[in-house]
């Protein structure tokens, strides 16, 4: 079963993601600051992989003038996003689907946090290009996801599991998560991730976040 279609698994997402990703909320705050460097007070922001609503809430709290279009394939995750947003929900329009289901924009900025590793290489290339097509010239795009050197893949995935356990996770579940990530996610090298952004048309691509197995970049349309 897809965990993002399981209501019980979805209910645990809000506590699991911050526990499993080093500096999770700081990474979201840094993302908001990177966007704020380039966008107007009333910016319209595209949030890809918005299910769960955690980054939407962080952005909405930080910038009261921003509005959001959030896209996610999971109806259950979008329902959770609606609940997490609470009083900020009126500033976000949620769309079930993929990048092809997102409005054409043009948007002032876009983010895709902890999502691209679920896509194959070809899907990731197409998705990144489609985000670029929906942005105004010079608009920032921030991404963060699994990204590790392939010759050190086993070591880094073991470190991921160790971090989960150190954060209070069950050791057996952490080991199962490590195995699932290794076999089910498309994890590229940092160099490959940067190339995808540049080939999609983004310039001045730079690393802003690194937390064990995760890395994040900002680029400009």
N, C-alpha and C. Protein backbone atom coordinates (compact mmCIF):
# COMPACT_ATOMS: atom_id res chain seq x y z
N UNK A 1 0.84 -1.20 0.00
CA UNK A 1 0.00 0.00 0.00
C UNK A 1 0.88 1.26 0.00
N UNK A 2 0.47 2.25 -0.76
CA UNK A 2 1.12 3.54 -0.72
C UNK A 2 0.86 4.18 0.64
N UNK A 3 1.90 4.48 1.43
CA UNK A 3 1.67 5.01 2.77
C UNK A 3 0.92 6.33 2.76
N UNK A 4 0.99 7.07 1.67
CA UNK A 4 0.31 8.36 1.60
C UNK A 4 -1.17 8.22 1.28
N UNK A 5 -1.64 6.97 1.10
CA UNK A 5 -3.07 6.74 0.95
C UNK A 5 -3.65 6.06 2.19
N UNK A 6 -2.78 5.76 3.16
CA UNK A 6 -3.19 5.12 4.40
C UNK A 6 -3.47 6.19 5.45
N UNK A 7 -4.72 6.36 5.87
CA UNK A 7 -5.05 7.43 6.82
C UNK A 7 -4.23 7.39 8.10
N UNK A 8 -3.92 6.19 8.60
CA UNK A 8 -3.15 6.11 9.84
C UNK A 8 -1.71 6.56 9.63
N UNK A 9 -1.12 6.14 8.49
CA UNK A 9 0.25 6.57 8.18
C UNK A 9 0.31 8.07 7.95
N UNK A 10 -0.69 8.60 7.27
CA UNK A 10 -0.76 10.04 7.02
C UNK A 10 -0.86 10.80 8.33
N UNK A 11 -1.64 10.28 9.27
CA UNK A 11 -1.81 10.94 10.56
C UNK A 11 -0.49 11.06 11.32
N UNK A 12 0.43 10.10 11.07
CA UNK A 12 1.72 10.13 11.75
C UNK A 12 2.75 10.99 11.03
N UNK A 13 2.42 11.46 9.83
CA UNK A 13 3.38 12.20 9.01
C UNK A 13 3.87 13.46 9.72
N UNK A 14 2.95 14.19 10.32
CA UNK A 14 3.29 15.49 10.91
C UNK A 14 4.33 15.37 12.01
N UNK A 15 4.40 14.23 12.69
CA UNK A 15 5.42 14.05 13.73
C UNK A 15 6.64 13.33 13.19
N UNK A 16 6.46 12.50 12.13
CA UNK A 16 7.57 11.72 11.62
C UNK A 16 8.56 12.52 10.80
N UNK A 17 8.08 13.38 9.93
CA UNK A 17 8.98 14.12 9.04
C UNK A 17 9.97 14.99 9.83
N UNK A 18 9.54 15.80 10.79
CA UNK A 18 10.50 16.60 11.54
C UNK A 18 11.49 15.76 12.34
N UNK A 19 11.07 14.57 12.76
CA UNK A 19 11.95 13.71 13.53
C UNK A 19 13.00 13.03 12.66
N UNK A 20 12.66 12.75 11.40
CA UNK A 20 13.54 11.96 10.54
C UNK A 20 14.46 12.80 9.67
N UNK A 21 14.15 14.08 9.52
CA UNK A 21 14.94 14.96 8.64
C UNK A 21 15.69 15.97 9.50
N UNK A 22 17.01 15.92 9.54
CA UNK A 22 17.77 16.86 10.37
C UNK A 22 17.47 18.31 10.00
N UNK A 23 17.18 19.12 11.00
CA UNK A 23 16.94 20.53 10.77
C UNK A 23 15.72 20.82 9.92
N UNK A 24 14.69 19.98 10.06
CA UNK A 24 13.52 20.05 9.17
C UNK A 24 12.87 21.43 9.16
N UNK A 25 12.53 21.95 10.32
CA UNK A 25 11.86 23.24 10.37
C UNK A 25 12.81 24.39 10.03
N UNK A 26 14.07 24.26 10.40
CA UNK A 26 15.05 25.29 10.02
C UNK A 26 15.19 25.34 8.50
N UNK A 27 15.18 24.17 7.85
CA UNK A 27 15.25 24.14 6.39
C UNK A 27 14.06 24.86 5.77
N UNK A 28 12.87 24.68 6.34
CA UNK A 28 11.69 25.37 5.82
C UNK A 28 11.80 26.88 6.05
N UNK A 29 12.30 27.29 7.19
CA UNK A 29 12.47 28.71 7.46
C UNK A 29 13.49 29.32 6.50
N UNK A 30 14.58 28.61 6.24
CA UNK A 30 15.56 29.10 5.29
C UNK A 30 14.95 29.21 3.90
N UNK A 31 14.09 28.26 3.55
CA UNK A 31 13.40 28.32 2.26
C UNK A 31 12.57 29.59 2.15
N UNK A 32 11.81 29.90 3.18
CA UNK A 32 11.00 31.11 3.17
C UNK A 32 11.86 32.36 3.02
N UNK A 33 13.02 32.38 3.66
CA UNK A 33 13.92 33.53 3.55
C UNK A 33 14.49 33.65 2.15
N UNK A 34 14.84 32.51 1.53
CA UNK A 34 15.36 32.54 0.16
C UNK A 34 14.31 33.06 -0.81
N UNK A 35 13.07 32.65 -0.63
CA UNK A 35 11.99 33.15 -1.50
C UNK A 35 11.80 34.65 -1.28
N UNK A 36 11.81 35.06 -0.01
CA UNK A 36 11.54 36.46 0.32
C UNK A 36 12.56 37.42 -0.27
N UNK A 37 13.76 36.93 -0.57
CA UNK A 37 14.77 37.78 -1.18
C UNK A 37 14.32 38.33 -2.54
N UNK A 38 13.46 37.57 -3.23
CA UNK A 38 13.17 37.90 -4.63
C UNK A 38 11.70 38.21 -4.92
N UNK A 39 10.80 37.92 -4.00
CA UNK A 39 9.37 37.99 -4.34
C UNK A 39 8.70 39.20 -3.70
N UNK A 40 7.57 39.65 -4.24
CA UNK A 40 6.85 40.78 -3.64
C UNK A 40 6.10 40.37 -2.38
N UNK A 41 5.56 41.36 -1.68
CA UNK A 41 4.83 41.10 -0.44
C UNK A 41 3.59 40.25 -0.66
N UNK A 42 3.01 40.36 -1.86
CA UNK A 42 1.79 39.60 -2.17
C UNK A 42 2.09 38.44 -3.12
N UNK A 43 3.22 37.79 -2.93
CA UNK A 43 3.67 36.74 -3.83
C UNK A 43 2.69 35.57 -3.91
N UNK A 44 2.63 35.01 -5.11
CA UNK A 44 1.89 33.76 -5.32
C UNK A 44 2.92 32.65 -5.47
N UNK A 45 2.84 31.65 -4.61
CA UNK A 45 3.88 30.62 -4.51
C UNK A 45 3.30 29.26 -4.86
N UNK A 46 3.99 28.54 -5.73
CA UNK A 46 3.62 27.16 -6.07
C UNK A 46 4.37 26.21 -5.14
N UNK A 47 3.64 25.35 -4.45
CA UNK A 47 4.25 24.39 -3.52
C UNK A 47 3.93 22.99 -4.02
N UNK A 48 4.93 22.34 -4.57
CA UNK A 48 4.77 21.00 -5.13
C UNK A 48 5.09 19.97 -4.05
N UNK A 49 4.22 18.96 -3.91
CA UNK A 49 4.37 18.02 -2.80
C UNK A 49 3.89 18.64 -1.51
N UNK A 50 2.76 19.35 -1.59
CA UNK A 50 2.28 20.15 -0.46
C UNK A 50 1.50 19.35 0.57
N UNK A 51 1.25 18.08 0.30
CA UNK A 51 0.50 17.26 1.23
C UNK A 51 1.13 17.23 2.61
N UNK A 52 0.32 17.27 3.63
CA UNK A 52 0.83 17.36 4.99
C UNK A 52 0.75 18.77 5.51
N UNK A 53 1.05 19.75 4.63
CA UNK A 53 0.84 21.15 4.96
C UNK A 53 1.88 21.80 5.85
N UNK A 54 2.95 21.08 6.22
CA UNK A 54 3.89 21.63 7.19
C UNK A 54 4.64 22.83 6.63
N UNK A 55 5.14 22.74 5.37
CA UNK A 55 5.83 23.89 4.82
C UNK A 55 4.85 25.01 4.49
N UNK A 56 3.64 24.66 4.06
CA UNK A 56 2.64 25.69 3.80
C UNK A 56 2.38 26.52 5.05
N UNK A 57 2.26 25.85 6.18
CA UNK A 57 2.01 26.56 7.43
C UNK A 57 3.21 27.43 7.81
N UNK A 58 4.42 26.91 7.65
CA UNK A 58 5.62 27.70 7.96
C UNK A 58 5.68 28.95 7.10
N UNK A 59 5.43 28.80 5.80
CA UNK A 59 5.48 29.95 4.89
C UNK A 59 4.38 30.96 5.23
N UNK A 60 3.18 30.44 5.50
CA UNK A 60 2.04 31.33 5.77
C UNK A 60 2.26 32.13 7.05
N UNK A 61 2.84 31.49 8.05
CA UNK A 61 3.12 32.19 9.31
C UNK A 61 4.18 33.27 9.11
N UNK A 62 5.16 32.97 8.26
CA UNK A 62 6.28 33.89 8.07
C UNK A 62 5.93 35.10 7.23
N UNK A 63 5.03 34.91 6.24
CA UNK A 63 4.75 35.98 5.28
C UNK A 63 3.24 36.12 5.10
N UNK A 64 2.63 37.05 5.81
CA UNK A 64 1.16 37.15 5.80
C UNK A 64 0.56 37.56 4.46
N UNK A 65 1.35 38.10 3.54
CA UNK A 65 0.81 38.53 2.26
C UNK A 65 0.87 37.48 1.16
N UNK A 66 1.56 36.38 1.40
CA UNK A 66 1.71 35.36 0.37
C UNK A 66 0.45 34.51 0.25
N UNK A 67 0.19 34.05 -0.98
CA UNK A 67 -0.85 33.04 -1.21
C UNK A 67 -0.21 31.85 -1.90
N UNK A 68 -0.88 30.70 -1.84
CA UNK A 68 -0.23 29.46 -2.25
C UNK A 68 -1.15 28.59 -3.10
N UNK A 69 -0.54 27.93 -4.06
CA UNK A 69 -1.18 26.82 -4.77
C UNK A 69 -0.38 25.58 -4.40
N UNK A 70 -1.01 24.67 -3.67
CA UNK A 70 -0.35 23.45 -3.23
C UNK A 70 -0.81 22.26 -4.05
N UNK A 71 0.13 21.44 -4.49
CA UNK A 71 -0.17 20.30 -5.35
C UNK A 71 0.36 19.03 -4.71
N UNK A 72 -0.47 17.98 -4.68
CA UNK A 72 -0.04 16.70 -4.14
C UNK A 72 -0.95 15.60 -4.71
N UNK A 73 -0.40 14.42 -5.02
CA UNK A 73 -1.25 13.35 -5.58
C UNK A 73 -2.14 12.67 -4.56
N UNK A 74 -1.87 12.84 -3.27
CA UNK A 74 -2.60 12.11 -2.24
C UNK A 74 -3.74 12.95 -1.67
N UNK A 75 -4.95 12.46 -1.82
CA UNK A 75 -6.10 13.15 -1.24
C UNK A 75 -6.00 13.17 0.28
N UNK A 76 -5.55 12.07 0.89
CA UNK A 76 -5.43 12.03 2.35
C UNK A 76 -4.41 13.05 2.85
N UNK A 77 -3.31 13.21 2.12
CA UNK A 77 -2.30 14.18 2.54
C UNK A 77 -2.81 15.61 2.39
N UNK A 78 -3.61 15.85 1.37
CA UNK A 78 -4.19 17.18 1.20
C UNK A 78 -5.20 17.48 2.31
N UNK A 79 -5.93 16.48 2.74
CA UNK A 79 -6.85 16.67 3.86
C UNK A 79 -6.07 17.04 5.13
N UNK A 80 -4.93 16.37 5.32
CA UNK A 80 -4.08 16.70 6.47
C UNK A 80 -3.56 18.13 6.34
N UNK A 81 -3.17 18.52 5.13
CA UNK A 81 -2.69 19.89 4.91
C UNK A 81 -3.76 20.90 5.29
N UNK A 82 -4.99 20.62 4.93
CA UNK A 82 -6.09 21.52 5.25
C UNK A 82 -6.22 21.67 6.76
N UNK A 83 -6.07 20.56 7.48
CA UNK A 83 -6.18 20.61 8.95
C UNK A 83 -4.99 21.33 9.57
N UNK A 84 -3.78 21.04 9.07
CA UNK A 84 -2.57 21.66 9.61
C UNK A 84 -2.59 23.17 9.40
N UNK A 85 -3.09 23.60 8.25
CA UNK A 85 -3.11 25.03 7.93
C UNK A 85 -4.04 25.80 8.86
N UNK A 86 -5.13 25.17 9.27
CA UNK A 86 -6.05 25.83 10.20
C UNK A 86 -6.48 27.20 9.71
N UNK A 87 -6.19 28.26 10.46
CA UNK A 87 -6.65 29.60 10.08
C UNK A 87 -6.00 30.14 8.81
N UNK A 88 -4.93 29.51 8.34
CA UNK A 88 -4.26 29.96 7.11
C UNK A 88 -4.83 29.30 5.86
N UNK A 89 -5.78 28.39 6.03
CA UNK A 89 -6.27 27.60 4.90
C UNK A 89 -6.86 28.45 3.78
N UNK A 90 -7.40 29.60 4.13
CA UNK A 90 -8.03 30.45 3.10
C UNK A 90 -7.01 31.03 2.13
N UNK A 91 -5.73 30.99 2.49
CA UNK A 91 -4.68 31.53 1.62
C UNK A 91 -4.07 30.48 0.71
N UNK A 92 -4.53 29.25 0.81
CA UNK A 92 -3.97 28.16 0.01
C UNK A 92 -5.06 27.47 -0.79
N UNK A 93 -4.81 27.32 -2.09
CA UNK A 93 -5.67 26.52 -2.96
C UNK A 93 -4.97 25.20 -3.20
N UNK A 94 -5.61 24.09 -2.84
CA UNK A 94 -4.98 22.78 -2.93
C UNK A 94 -5.50 22.02 -4.14
N UNK A 95 -4.57 21.38 -4.87
CA UNK A 95 -4.90 20.66 -6.10
C UNK A 95 -4.41 19.22 -5.97
N UNK A 96 -5.27 18.26 -6.18
CA UNK A 96 -4.84 16.87 -6.15
C UNK A 96 -4.28 16.51 -7.52
N UNK A 97 -3.05 15.98 -7.53
CA UNK A 97 -2.44 15.58 -8.79
C UNK A 97 -0.95 15.84 -8.79
N UNK A 98 -0.42 16.06 -9.99
CA UNK A 98 1.02 16.23 -10.21
C UNK A 98 1.26 17.60 -10.83
N UNK A 99 2.47 17.86 -11.27
CA UNK A 99 2.79 19.17 -11.80
C UNK A 99 1.90 19.53 -12.99
N UNK A 100 1.50 18.54 -13.77
CA UNK A 100 0.62 18.81 -14.91
C UNK A 100 -0.76 19.30 -14.48
N UNK A 101 -1.11 19.07 -13.22
CA UNK A 101 -2.40 19.52 -12.69
C UNK A 101 -2.30 20.87 -12.00
N UNK A 102 -1.11 21.43 -11.95
CA UNK A 102 -0.92 22.74 -11.31
C UNK A 102 -1.33 23.84 -12.26
N UNK A 103 -1.82 24.96 -11.73
CA UNK A 103 -2.11 26.12 -12.59
C UNK A 103 -0.86 26.54 -13.36
N UNK A 104 -1.06 27.18 -14.47
CA UNK A 104 0.07 27.56 -15.33
C UNK A 104 0.82 28.76 -14.78
N UNK A 105 0.18 29.49 -13.85
CA UNK A 105 0.85 30.65 -13.26
C UNK A 105 0.66 31.90 -14.11
N UNK A 106 1.70 32.73 -14.26
CA UNK A 106 3.04 32.51 -13.73
C UNK A 106 3.14 32.82 -12.23
N UNK A 107 3.96 32.04 -11.54
CA UNK A 107 4.15 32.18 -10.11
C UNK A 107 5.39 33.02 -9.81
N UNK A 108 5.39 33.62 -8.63
CA UNK A 108 6.53 34.41 -8.17
C UNK A 108 7.65 33.54 -7.62
N UNK A 109 7.31 32.31 -7.21
CA UNK A 109 8.29 31.39 -6.62
C UNK A 109 7.68 30.00 -6.57
N UNK A 110 8.54 29.00 -6.32
CA UNK A 110 8.07 27.63 -6.18
C UNK A 110 8.99 26.87 -5.23
N UNK A 111 8.42 25.86 -4.58
CA UNK A 111 9.20 24.97 -3.73
C UNK A 111 8.79 23.52 -3.99
N UNK A 112 9.72 22.63 -3.70
CA UNK A 112 9.44 21.19 -3.78
C UNK A 112 10.33 20.51 -2.74
N UNK A 113 9.79 20.34 -1.54
CA UNK A 113 10.57 19.84 -0.40
C UNK A 113 10.22 18.40 -0.08
N UNK A 114 11.23 17.55 0.01
CA UNK A 114 11.09 16.15 0.38
C UNK A 114 10.13 15.40 -0.56
N UNK A 115 10.24 15.67 -1.84
CA UNK A 115 9.30 15.10 -2.81
C UNK A 115 9.98 14.49 -4.03
N UNK A 116 10.98 15.16 -4.60
CA UNK A 116 11.53 14.72 -5.89
C UNK A 116 12.13 13.33 -5.84
N UNK A 117 12.55 12.86 -4.66
CA UNK A 117 13.13 11.52 -4.60
C UNK A 117 12.10 10.42 -4.83
N UNK A 118 10.81 10.78 -4.84
CA UNK A 118 9.77 9.79 -5.15
C UNK A 118 9.60 9.60 -6.66
N UNK A 119 10.22 10.45 -7.46
CA UNK A 119 10.05 10.42 -8.91
C UNK A 119 11.24 9.75 -9.58
N UNK A 120 10.97 9.06 -10.69
CA UNK A 120 12.06 8.50 -11.49
C UNK A 120 12.87 9.65 -12.08
N UNK A 121 14.02 9.32 -12.64
CA UNK A 121 14.87 10.34 -13.24
C UNK A 121 14.11 11.11 -14.32
N UNK A 122 13.42 10.38 -15.19
CA UNK A 122 12.69 11.04 -16.28
C UNK A 122 11.57 11.91 -15.74
N UNK A 123 10.84 11.41 -14.74
CA UNK A 123 9.76 12.21 -14.14
C UNK A 123 10.31 13.45 -13.45
N UNK A 124 11.46 13.30 -12.83
CA UNK A 124 12.06 14.43 -12.14
C UNK A 124 12.49 15.51 -13.13
N UNK A 125 13.08 15.09 -14.22
CA UNK A 125 13.49 16.05 -15.26
C UNK A 125 12.28 16.79 -15.82
N UNK A 126 11.22 16.04 -16.12
CA UNK A 126 10.02 16.66 -16.69
C UNK A 126 9.36 17.59 -15.67
N UNK A 127 9.28 17.14 -14.43
CA UNK A 127 8.64 17.96 -13.39
C UNK A 127 9.39 19.26 -13.18
N UNK A 128 10.71 19.19 -13.12
CA UNK A 128 11.51 20.39 -12.91
C UNK A 128 11.35 21.37 -14.06
N UNK A 129 11.30 20.85 -15.28
CA UNK A 129 11.09 21.71 -16.44
C UNK A 129 9.71 22.34 -16.42
N UNK A 130 8.71 21.59 -15.98
CA UNK A 130 7.34 22.12 -15.91
C UNK A 130 7.20 23.19 -14.82
N UNK A 131 7.94 23.03 -13.73
CA UNK A 131 7.96 24.09 -12.71
C UNK A 131 8.54 25.36 -13.32
N UNK A 132 9.66 25.22 -14.01
CA UNK A 132 10.31 26.37 -14.64
C UNK A 132 9.34 27.10 -15.57
N UNK A 133 8.56 26.34 -16.32
CA UNK A 133 7.62 26.91 -17.28
C UNK A 133 6.54 27.73 -16.59
N UNK A 134 6.30 27.47 -15.33
CA UNK A 134 5.24 28.15 -14.58
C UNK A 134 5.73 29.33 -13.76
N UNK A 135 7.01 29.65 -13.86
CA UNK A 135 7.58 30.72 -13.04
C UNK A 135 7.86 31.98 -13.86
N UNK A 136 7.76 33.11 -13.18
CA UNK A 136 8.17 34.37 -13.78
C UNK A 136 9.69 34.40 -13.95
N UNK A 137 10.21 35.14 -14.91
CA UNK A 137 11.67 35.24 -15.05
C UNK A 137 12.33 35.70 -13.76
N UNK A 138 13.36 34.98 -13.36
CA UNK A 138 14.09 35.32 -12.14
C UNK A 138 13.49 34.78 -10.87
N UNK A 139 12.34 34.10 -10.96
CA UNK A 139 11.67 33.59 -9.76
C UNK A 139 12.50 32.47 -9.11
N UNK A 140 12.57 32.44 -7.79
CA UNK A 140 13.33 31.38 -7.11
C UNK A 140 12.56 30.06 -7.04
N UNK A 141 13.32 28.98 -7.13
CA UNK A 141 12.78 27.63 -6.96
C UNK A 141 13.67 26.92 -5.96
N UNK A 142 13.08 26.43 -4.86
CA UNK A 142 13.84 25.77 -3.80
C UNK A 142 13.42 24.30 -3.73
N UNK A 143 14.41 23.42 -3.74
CA UNK A 143 14.18 21.98 -3.64
C UNK A 143 15.02 21.41 -2.51
N UNK A 144 14.54 20.32 -1.90
CA UNK A 144 15.31 19.58 -0.91
C UNK A 144 14.81 18.14 -0.90
N UNK A 145 15.75 17.18 -0.83
CA UNK A 145 15.38 15.76 -0.90
C UNK A 145 16.61 14.90 -0.63
N UNK A 146 16.43 13.59 -0.64
CA UNK A 146 17.57 12.67 -0.52
C UNK A 146 18.54 12.94 -1.66
N UNK A 147 19.83 13.04 -1.33
CA UNK A 147 20.86 13.25 -2.35
C UNK A 147 22.20 12.88 -1.73
N UNK A 148 22.81 11.79 -2.20
CA UNK A 148 24.03 11.29 -1.57
C UNK A 148 24.98 10.73 -2.63
N UNK A 149 26.29 10.74 -2.34
CA UNK A 149 27.25 10.11 -3.25
C UNK A 149 26.95 8.62 -3.36
N UNK A 150 26.90 8.10 -4.58
CA UNK A 150 26.51 6.70 -4.76
C UNK A 150 27.56 5.72 -4.25
N UNK A 151 28.82 6.12 -4.25
CA UNK A 151 29.84 5.21 -3.74
C UNK A 151 29.85 5.14 -2.22
N UNK A 152 29.04 6.01 -1.56
CA UNK A 152 28.91 5.98 -0.11
C UNK A 152 27.44 5.76 0.29
N UNK A 153 26.66 5.25 -0.63
CA UNK A 153 25.22 5.12 -0.42
C UNK A 153 24.88 4.33 0.84
N UNK A 154 25.49 3.15 1.02
CA UNK A 154 25.18 2.30 2.15
C UNK A 154 25.51 2.99 3.48
N UNK A 155 26.65 3.65 3.50
CA UNK A 155 27.08 4.34 4.73
C UNK A 155 26.08 5.44 5.10
N UNK A 156 25.68 6.23 4.12
CA UNK A 156 24.78 7.35 4.41
C UNK A 156 23.38 6.88 4.78
N UNK A 157 22.90 5.83 4.16
CA UNK A 157 21.58 5.32 4.54
C UNK A 157 21.60 4.73 5.95
N UNK A 158 22.71 4.14 6.32
CA UNK A 158 22.84 3.66 7.70
C UNK A 158 22.85 4.83 8.69
N UNK A 159 23.48 5.92 8.28
CA UNK A 159 23.47 7.12 9.12
C UNK A 159 22.06 7.69 9.25
N UNK A 160 21.31 7.63 8.15
CA UNK A 160 19.91 8.07 8.21
C UNK A 160 19.16 7.26 9.26
N UNK A 161 19.30 5.93 9.22
CA UNK A 161 18.61 5.08 10.18
C UNK A 161 19.07 5.38 11.60
N UNK A 162 20.35 5.62 11.78
CA UNK A 162 20.87 5.94 13.11
C UNK A 162 20.29 7.24 13.64
N UNK A 163 20.10 8.21 12.74
CA UNK A 163 19.51 9.49 13.16
C UNK A 163 18.07 9.29 13.60
N UNK A 164 17.32 8.46 12.87
CA UNK A 164 15.94 8.19 13.23
C UNK A 164 15.87 7.56 14.63
N UNK A 165 16.74 6.59 14.88
CA UNK A 165 16.77 5.94 16.20
C UNK A 165 17.16 6.95 17.28
N UNK A 166 18.16 7.78 16.99
CA UNK A 166 18.62 8.78 17.95
C UNK A 166 17.53 9.81 18.24
N UNK A 167 16.59 9.96 17.29
CA UNK A 167 15.47 10.90 17.48
C UNK A 167 14.30 10.26 18.21
N UNK A 168 14.47 9.01 18.63
CA UNK A 168 13.42 8.33 19.39
C UNK A 168 12.67 7.28 18.61
N UNK A 169 13.10 7.00 17.37
CA UNK A 169 12.42 6.01 16.55
C UNK A 169 12.76 4.59 16.96
N UNK A 170 11.85 3.66 16.63
CA UNK A 170 12.07 2.25 16.91
C UNK A 170 13.16 1.70 15.99
N UNK A 171 14.16 0.99 16.52
CA UNK A 171 15.26 0.49 15.69
C UNK A 171 14.81 -0.42 14.55
N UNK A 172 13.85 -1.29 14.80
CA UNK A 172 13.38 -2.18 13.74
C UNK A 172 12.67 -1.41 12.63
N UNK A 173 11.86 -0.44 13.01
CA UNK A 173 11.18 0.38 12.01
C UNK A 173 12.18 1.23 11.23
N UNK A 174 13.21 1.71 11.91
CA UNK A 174 14.25 2.49 11.22
C UNK A 174 14.98 1.63 10.20
N UNK A 175 15.26 0.38 10.56
CA UNK A 175 15.93 -0.53 9.63
C UNK A 175 15.03 -0.83 8.43
N UNK A 176 13.74 -1.00 8.67
CA UNK A 176 12.81 -1.24 7.57
C UNK A 176 12.71 -0.01 6.67
N UNK A 177 12.70 1.17 7.27
CA UNK A 177 12.64 2.40 6.49
C UNK A 177 13.90 2.55 5.63
N UNK A 178 15.05 2.21 6.21
CA UNK A 178 16.30 2.28 5.44
C UNK A 178 16.23 1.38 4.23
N UNK A 179 15.75 0.14 4.41
CA UNK A 179 15.66 -0.80 3.30
C UNK A 179 14.68 -0.32 2.23
N UNK A 180 13.55 0.23 2.67
CA UNK A 180 12.55 0.72 1.71
C UNK A 180 13.09 1.91 0.92
N UNK A 181 13.78 2.81 1.59
CA UNK A 181 14.35 3.97 0.91
C UNK A 181 15.38 3.53 -0.13
N UNK A 182 16.18 2.54 0.24
CA UNK A 182 17.24 2.06 -0.66
C UNK A 182 16.67 1.45 -1.93
N UNK A 183 15.53 0.78 -1.82
CA UNK A 183 14.98 0.06 -2.97
C UNK A 183 13.89 0.80 -3.72
N UNK A 184 13.22 1.75 -3.05
CA UNK A 184 12.03 2.35 -3.66
C UNK A 184 12.21 3.80 -4.11
N UNK A 185 13.19 4.50 -3.57
CA UNK A 185 13.37 5.90 -3.95
C UNK A 185 14.43 6.04 -5.03
N UNK A 186 14.31 7.10 -5.81
CA UNK A 186 15.33 7.43 -6.81
C UNK A 186 16.26 8.45 -6.18
N UNK A 187 17.39 7.98 -5.68
CA UNK A 187 18.34 8.86 -5.00
C UNK A 187 19.51 9.12 -5.94
N UNK A 188 19.72 10.36 -6.29
CA UNK A 188 20.79 10.76 -7.20
C UNK A 188 21.95 11.36 -6.40
N UNK A 189 23.04 11.61 -7.09
CA UNK A 189 24.17 12.30 -6.46
C UNK A 189 23.87 13.80 -6.45
N UNK A 190 24.53 14.55 -5.57
CA UNK A 190 24.35 16.00 -5.58
C UNK A 190 24.67 16.61 -6.95
N UNK A 191 25.68 16.08 -7.61
CA UNK A 191 26.05 16.61 -8.92
C UNK A 191 24.92 16.40 -9.93
N UNK A 192 24.30 15.22 -9.92
CA UNK A 192 23.19 14.95 -10.82
C UNK A 192 22.00 15.86 -10.53
N UNK A 193 21.73 16.08 -9.26
CA UNK A 193 20.61 16.95 -8.88
C UNK A 193 20.82 18.37 -9.41
N UNK A 194 22.03 18.87 -9.32
CA UNK A 194 22.30 20.22 -9.81
C UNK A 194 22.16 20.29 -11.33
N UNK A 195 22.60 19.25 -12.02
CA UNK A 195 22.49 19.22 -13.48
C UNK A 195 21.02 19.28 -13.91
N UNK A 196 20.16 18.55 -13.22
CA UNK A 196 18.73 18.56 -13.57
C UNK A 196 18.16 19.97 -13.47
N UNK A 197 18.51 20.69 -12.43
CA UNK A 197 18.03 22.05 -12.28
C UNK A 197 18.55 22.94 -13.40
N UNK A 198 19.81 22.82 -13.72
CA UNK A 198 20.38 23.68 -14.77
C UNK A 198 19.80 23.33 -16.14
N UNK A 199 19.63 22.05 -16.42
CA UNK A 199 19.08 21.65 -17.71
C UNK A 199 17.63 22.08 -17.87
N UNK A 200 16.92 22.25 -16.75
CA UNK A 200 15.54 22.72 -16.80
C UNK A 200 15.45 24.22 -17.04
N UNK A 201 16.60 24.91 -16.95
CA UNK A 201 16.63 26.35 -17.22
C UNK A 201 16.93 27.22 -16.02
N UNK A 202 17.21 26.62 -14.85
CA UNK A 202 17.49 27.41 -13.66
C UNK A 202 18.96 27.83 -13.62
N UNK A 203 19.19 29.06 -13.21
CA UNK A 203 20.55 29.61 -13.15
C UNK A 203 20.94 29.87 -11.71
N UNK A 204 22.24 30.13 -11.52
CA UNK A 204 22.78 30.43 -10.18
C UNK A 204 22.33 29.40 -9.16
N UNK A 205 22.38 28.14 -9.53
CA UNK A 205 21.98 27.05 -8.63
C UNK A 205 23.01 26.93 -7.52
N UNK A 206 22.56 26.97 -6.28
CA UNK A 206 23.50 26.89 -5.16
C UNK A 206 22.92 26.09 -4.01
N UNK A 207 23.80 25.38 -3.33
CA UNK A 207 23.43 24.57 -2.18
C UNK A 207 23.18 25.48 -0.98
N UNK A 208 22.07 25.27 -0.26
CA UNK A 208 21.82 26.06 0.93
C UNK A 208 21.60 25.19 2.17
N UNK A 209 21.43 23.88 1.97
CA UNK A 209 21.08 23.01 3.10
C UNK A 209 21.69 21.63 2.88
N UNK A 210 22.27 21.08 3.93
CA UNK A 210 22.76 19.70 3.92
C UNK A 210 22.56 19.12 5.31
N UNK A 211 21.79 18.04 5.39
CA UNK A 211 21.54 17.39 6.66
C UNK A 211 21.63 15.88 6.49
N UNK A 212 22.79 15.32 6.75
CA UNK A 212 23.04 13.89 6.56
C UNK A 212 22.69 13.46 5.13
N UNK A 213 21.61 12.75 4.92
CA UNK A 213 21.29 12.22 3.58
C UNK A 213 20.51 13.21 2.71
N UNK A 214 20.20 14.37 3.25
CA UNK A 214 19.36 15.33 2.53
C UNK A 214 20.17 16.56 2.12
N UNK A 215 19.82 17.09 0.94
CA UNK A 215 20.41 18.33 0.49
C UNK A 215 19.35 19.21 -0.15
N UNK A 216 19.61 20.52 -0.14
CA UNK A 216 18.66 21.45 -0.72
C UNK A 216 19.36 22.53 -1.53
N UNK A 217 18.72 22.95 -2.61
CA UNK A 217 19.28 23.96 -3.50
C UNK A 217 18.25 25.04 -3.79
N UNK A 218 18.76 26.19 -4.19
CA UNK A 218 17.93 27.25 -4.75
C UNK A 218 18.48 27.59 -6.13
N UNK A 219 17.57 27.79 -7.08
CA UNK A 219 17.93 28.24 -8.41
C UNK A 219 16.90 29.25 -8.87
N UNK A 220 17.18 29.92 -10.00
CA UNK A 220 16.34 31.02 -10.44
C UNK A 220 15.93 30.85 -11.90
N UNK A 221 14.65 31.06 -12.17
CA UNK A 221 14.10 30.84 -13.51
C UNK A 221 14.61 31.92 -14.48
